[in-house]
Amino acid sequence: VYKLFWGLFRQKKISLSIGIAAAAGTLTNTIGVLGMIYILYARRFVEAAGLEGATPLIAIFGIAVPNMPFELAAAVLVAIPVVMAVKKARKI
């Protein structure tokens, strides 16, 4: 994802490329983890969360959706300065 957007923006918007890649990676991880929870442990997850009246899909999405904006923002805000610092340090 980073290389795709880095190529599209021709190095002019490197921080945007980093941010988009961080968001894409975070979404991939979240969807993968919650998808596997749903596939492997749906009923046990609902019981452990104390949401016995909810269907597993609603319970998992109900937890994920409110947290996703904060998770994405944190990933982008951390990734951009870290990657920029590493890129700068590697050029030395």
N, C-alpha and C. Protein backbone atom coordinates (compact mmCIF):
# COMPACT_ATOMS: atom_id res chain seq x y z
N VAL A 1 0.83 -1.18 0.00
CA VAL A 1 0.00 0.00 0.00
C VAL A 1 0.88 1.25 0.00
N TYR A 2 1.91 1.23 0.82
CA TYR A 2 2.81 2.39 0.88
C TYR A 2 3.46 2.63 -0.48
N LYS A 3 3.99 1.58 -1.08
CA LYS A 3 4.66 1.74 -2.37
C LYS A 3 3.69 2.21 -3.45
N LEU A 4 2.48 1.72 -3.43
CA LEU A 4 1.48 2.14 -4.41
C LEU A 4 1.24 3.65 -4.31
N PHE A 5 0.97 4.13 -3.10
CA PHE A 5 0.67 5.55 -2.94
C PHE A 5 1.92 6.41 -3.06
N TRP A 6 3.06 5.88 -2.69
CA TRP A 6 4.32 6.61 -2.87
C TRP A 6 4.56 6.84 -4.35
N GLY A 7 4.26 5.84 -5.16
CA GLY A 7 4.39 5.99 -6.61
C GLY A 7 3.36 6.94 -7.20
N LEU A 8 2.14 6.90 -6.67
CA LEU A 8 1.10 7.79 -7.18
C LEU A 8 1.38 9.25 -6.87
N PHE A 9 1.91 9.52 -5.69
CA PHE A 9 2.16 10.90 -5.27
C PHE A 9 3.56 11.38 -5.63
N ARG A 10 4.36 10.52 -6.21
CA ARG A 10 5.72 10.87 -6.65
C ARG A 10 6.55 11.54 -5.55
N GLN A 11 6.53 10.96 -4.39
CA GLN A 11 7.33 11.37 -3.24
C GLN A 11 6.93 12.73 -2.68
N LYS A 12 5.97 13.42 -3.27
CA LYS A 12 5.60 14.75 -2.79
C LYS A 12 4.82 14.68 -1.48
N LYS A 13 4.05 13.66 -1.33
CA LYS A 13 3.20 13.51 -0.15
C LYS A 13 3.56 12.23 0.58
N ILE A 14 4.80 12.11 1.00
CA ILE A 14 5.26 10.88 1.63
C ILE A 14 4.52 10.60 2.93
N SER A 15 4.20 11.65 3.70
CA SER A 15 3.48 11.42 4.95
C SER A 15 2.06 10.91 4.68
N LEU A 16 1.45 11.35 3.59
CA LEU A 16 0.12 10.84 3.24
C LEU A 16 0.21 9.36 2.86
N SER A 17 1.26 8.99 2.14
CA SER A 17 1.45 7.59 1.78
C SER A 17 1.64 6.72 3.02
N ILE A 18 2.40 7.21 3.97
CA ILE A 18 2.63 6.48 5.22
C ILE A 18 1.32 6.35 6.00
N GLY A 19 0.57 7.42 6.08
CA GLY A 19 -0.70 7.40 6.81
C GLY A 19 -1.71 6.44 6.21
N ILE A 20 -1.82 6.45 4.88
CA ILE A 20 -2.75 5.54 4.21
C ILE A 20 -2.32 4.09 4.42
N ALA A 21 -1.03 3.83 4.35
CA ALA A 21 -0.53 2.48 4.57
C ALA A 21 -0.78 2.03 6.02
N ALA A 22 -0.59 2.93 6.97
CA ALA A 22 -0.84 2.59 8.38
C ALA A 22 -2.32 2.29 8.60
N ALA A 23 -3.19 3.09 7.99
CA ALA A 23 -4.63 2.86 8.12
C ALA A 23 -5.02 1.53 7.47
N ALA A 24 -4.47 1.25 6.30
CA ALA A 24 -4.79 -0.01 5.61
C ALA A 24 -4.30 -1.21 6.42
N GLY A 25 -3.11 -1.11 6.98
CA GLY A 25 -2.59 -2.20 7.81
C GLY A 25 -3.42 -2.42 9.06
N THR A 26 -3.85 -1.33 9.68
CA THR A 26 -4.68 -1.42 10.88
C THR A 26 -6.02 -2.05 10.56
N LEU A 27 -6.64 -1.63 9.46
CA LEU A 27 -7.91 -2.22 9.06
C LEU A 27 -7.77 -3.70 8.73
N THR A 28 -6.69 -4.05 8.06
CA THR A 28 -6.45 -5.46 7.73
C THR A 28 -6.32 -6.29 9.00
N ASN A 29 -5.57 -5.80 9.96
CA ASN A 29 -5.40 -6.51 11.21
C ASN A 29 -6.71 -6.64 11.97
N THR A 30 -7.45 -5.55 12.08
CA THR A 30 -8.70 -5.57 12.82
C THR A 30 -9.71 -6.51 12.18
N ILE A 31 -9.86 -6.41 10.88
CA ILE A 31 -10.80 -7.29 10.18
C ILE A 31 -10.36 -8.75 10.30
N GLY A 32 -9.07 -9.00 10.19
CA GLY A 32 -8.57 -10.37 10.33
C GLY A 32 -8.80 -10.95 11.71
N VAL A 33 -8.48 -10.18 12.73
CA VAL A 33 -8.65 -10.67 14.11
C VAL A 33 -10.11 -10.87 14.44
N LEU A 34 -10.93 -9.88 14.16
CA LEU A 34 -12.35 -10.01 14.48
C LEU A 34 -13.03 -11.08 13.62
N GLY A 35 -12.58 -11.21 12.39
CA GLY A 35 -13.11 -12.27 11.52
C GLY A 35 -12.80 -13.65 12.07
N MET A 36 -11.58 -13.82 12.55
CA MET A 36 -11.21 -15.12 13.12
C MET A 36 -11.92 -15.37 14.45
N ILE A 37 -12.13 -14.32 15.23
CA ILE A 37 -12.92 -14.49 16.46
C ILE A 37 -14.32 -14.96 16.09
N TYR A 38 -14.89 -14.35 15.08
CA TYR A 38 -16.24 -14.74 14.66
C TYR A 38 -16.26 -16.18 14.16
N ILE A 39 -15.30 -16.54 13.34
CA ILE A 39 -15.27 -17.89 12.76
C ILE A 39 -15.00 -18.95 13.82
N LEU A 40 -14.05 -18.70 14.72
CA LEU A 40 -13.61 -19.73 15.65
C LEU A 40 -14.31 -19.70 17.01
N TYR A 41 -14.63 -18.51 17.52
CA TYR A 41 -15.07 -18.40 18.91
C TYR A 41 -16.33 -17.56 19.09
N ALA A 42 -17.20 -17.49 18.12
CA ALA A 42 -18.33 -16.57 18.15
C ALA A 42 -19.16 -16.69 19.44
N ARG A 43 -19.65 -17.84 19.72
CA ARG A 43 -20.51 -18.02 20.91
C ARG A 43 -19.75 -17.75 22.21
N ARG A 44 -18.54 -18.29 22.30
CA ARG A 44 -17.75 -18.09 23.52
C ARG A 44 -17.42 -16.61 23.72
N PHE A 45 -17.17 -15.90 22.62
CA PHE A 45 -16.88 -14.47 22.71
C PHE A 45 -18.08 -13.71 23.26
N VAL A 46 -19.26 -14.01 22.75
CA VAL A 46 -20.47 -13.33 23.21
C VAL A 46 -20.70 -13.61 24.69
N GLU A 47 -20.51 -14.85 25.10
CA GLU A 47 -20.68 -15.20 26.51
C GLU A 47 -19.65 -14.50 27.39
N ALA A 48 -18.40 -14.48 26.96
CA ALA A 48 -17.34 -13.85 27.75
C ALA A 48 -17.53 -12.34 27.86
N ALA A 49 -18.10 -11.73 26.83
CA ALA A 49 -18.33 -10.28 26.86
C ALA A 49 -19.60 -9.93 27.64
N GLY A 50 -20.35 -10.93 28.03
CA GLY A 50 -21.58 -10.69 28.78
C GLY A 50 -22.70 -10.14 27.92
N LEU A 51 -22.71 -10.53 26.66
CA LEU A 51 -23.72 -10.04 25.72
C LEU A 51 -24.60 -11.18 25.22
N GLU A 52 -25.11 -11.98 26.14
CA GLU A 52 -25.85 -13.19 25.77
C GLU A 52 -27.03 -12.93 24.86
N GLY A 53 -27.66 -11.77 24.92
CA GLY A 53 -28.83 -11.49 24.09
C GLY A 53 -28.50 -11.12 22.66
N ALA A 54 -27.25 -10.80 22.37
CA ALA A 54 -26.86 -10.33 21.04
C ALA A 54 -26.38 -11.49 20.18
N THR A 55 -26.54 -11.33 18.88
CA THR A 55 -25.96 -12.30 17.95
C THR A 55 -24.46 -12.05 17.90
N PRO A 56 -23.67 -13.05 17.58
CA PRO A 56 -22.22 -12.87 17.55
C PRO A 56 -21.77 -11.76 16.59
N LEU A 57 -22.36 -11.69 15.43
CA LEU A 57 -21.95 -10.68 14.46
C LEU A 57 -22.22 -9.27 14.98
N ILE A 58 -23.39 -9.07 15.56
CA ILE A 58 -23.73 -7.76 16.12
C ILE A 58 -22.82 -7.42 17.29
N ALA A 59 -22.51 -8.39 18.13
CA ALA A 59 -21.65 -8.16 19.28
C ALA A 59 -20.24 -7.75 18.84
N ILE A 60 -19.70 -8.45 17.86
CA ILE A 60 -18.34 -8.16 17.40
C ILE A 60 -18.29 -6.80 16.71
N PHE A 61 -19.24 -6.54 15.81
CA PHE A 61 -19.27 -5.24 15.14
C PHE A 61 -19.58 -4.12 16.12
N GLY A 62 -20.40 -4.39 17.11
CA GLY A 62 -20.73 -3.38 18.12
C GLY A 62 -19.53 -2.96 18.94
N ILE A 63 -18.58 -3.85 19.09
CA ILE A 63 -17.34 -3.51 19.80
C ILE A 63 -16.36 -2.84 18.86
N ALA A 64 -16.29 -3.31 17.63
CA ALA A 64 -15.28 -2.83 16.68
C ALA A 64 -15.57 -1.44 16.15
N VAL A 65 -16.80 -1.17 15.77
CA VAL A 65 -17.13 0.08 15.08
C VAL A 65 -16.84 1.32 15.93
N PRO A 66 -17.23 1.37 17.19
CA PRO A 66 -16.93 2.58 17.97
C PRO A 66 -15.43 2.78 18.22
N ASN A 67 -14.67 1.69 18.27
CA ASN A 67 -13.24 1.80 18.55
C ASN A 67 -12.40 2.06 17.30
N MET A 68 -12.93 1.76 16.14
CA MET A 68 -12.14 1.84 14.91
C MET A 68 -11.59 3.24 14.62
N PRO A 69 -12.35 4.32 14.76
CA PRO A 69 -11.76 5.64 14.48
C PRO A 69 -10.56 5.96 15.37
N PHE A 70 -10.63 5.59 16.63
CA PHE A 70 -9.52 5.84 17.55
C PHE A 70 -8.31 4.99 17.20
N GLU A 71 -8.57 3.75 16.83
CA GLU A 71 -7.49 2.85 16.44
C GLU A 71 -6.78 3.34 15.18
N LEU A 72 -7.57 3.78 14.20
CA LEU A 72 -7.00 4.31 12.96
C LEU A 72 -6.20 5.58 13.22
N ALA A 73 -6.76 6.48 14.02
CA ALA A 73 -6.07 7.73 14.32
C ALA A 73 -4.76 7.46 15.03
N ALA A 74 -4.77 6.56 16.00
CA ALA A 74 -3.54 6.23 16.72
C ALA A 74 -2.49 5.63 15.80
N ALA A 75 -2.91 4.75 14.93
CA ALA A 75 -1.96 4.11 14.00
C ALA A 75 -1.32 5.14 13.08
N VAL A 76 -2.13 6.03 12.54
CA VAL A 76 -1.60 7.05 11.62
C VAL A 76 -0.70 8.03 12.36
N LEU A 77 -1.14 8.49 13.53
CA LEU A 77 -0.36 9.48 14.29
C LEU A 77 0.96 8.92 14.80
N VAL A 78 1.03 7.64 15.04
CA VAL A 78 2.28 7.02 15.48
C VAL A 78 3.16 6.65 14.29
N ALA A 79 2.56 6.11 13.25
CA ALA A 79 3.34 5.61 12.12
C ALA A 79 4.08 6.70 11.37
N ILE A 80 3.44 7.83 11.14
CA ILE A 80 4.07 8.88 10.32
C ILE A 80 5.39 9.36 10.93
N PRO A 81 5.41 9.81 12.19
CA PRO A 81 6.70 10.27 12.71
C PRO A 81 7.74 9.15 12.86
N VAL A 82 7.30 7.95 13.19
CA VAL A 82 8.24 6.84 13.34
C VAL A 82 8.88 6.50 12.01
N VAL A 83 8.09 6.36 10.97
CA VAL A 83 8.63 6.02 9.66
C VAL A 83 9.52 7.14 9.13
N MET A 84 9.10 8.38 9.32
CA MET A 84 9.91 9.52 8.86
C MET A 84 11.26 9.53 9.59
N ALA A 85 11.27 9.25 10.89
CA ALA A 85 12.52 9.22 11.66
C ALA A 85 13.42 8.08 11.19
N VAL A 86 12.83 6.92 10.94
CA VAL A 86 13.62 5.79 10.47
C VAL A 86 14.20 6.08 9.09
N LYS A 87 13.40 6.67 8.21
CA LYS A 87 13.90 7.02 6.88
C LYS A 87 15.05 8.02 6.98
N LYS A 88 14.92 8.98 7.85
CA LYS A 88 15.97 9.98 8.04
C LYS A 88 17.23 9.34 8.61
N ALA A 89 17.07 8.46 9.57
CA ALA A 89 18.22 7.80 10.20
C ALA A 89 18.94 6.87 9.23
N ARG A 90 18.23 6.25 8.35
CA ARG A 90 18.86 5.32 7.40
C ARG A 90 19.66 6.05 6.32
N LYS A 91 19.36 7.31 6.09
CA LYS A 91 20.10 8.08 5.10
C LYS A 91 21.44 8.56 5.62
N ILE A 92 21.63 8.51 6.94
CA ILE A 92 22.89 8.99 7.54
C ILE A 92 24.02 8.06 7.23
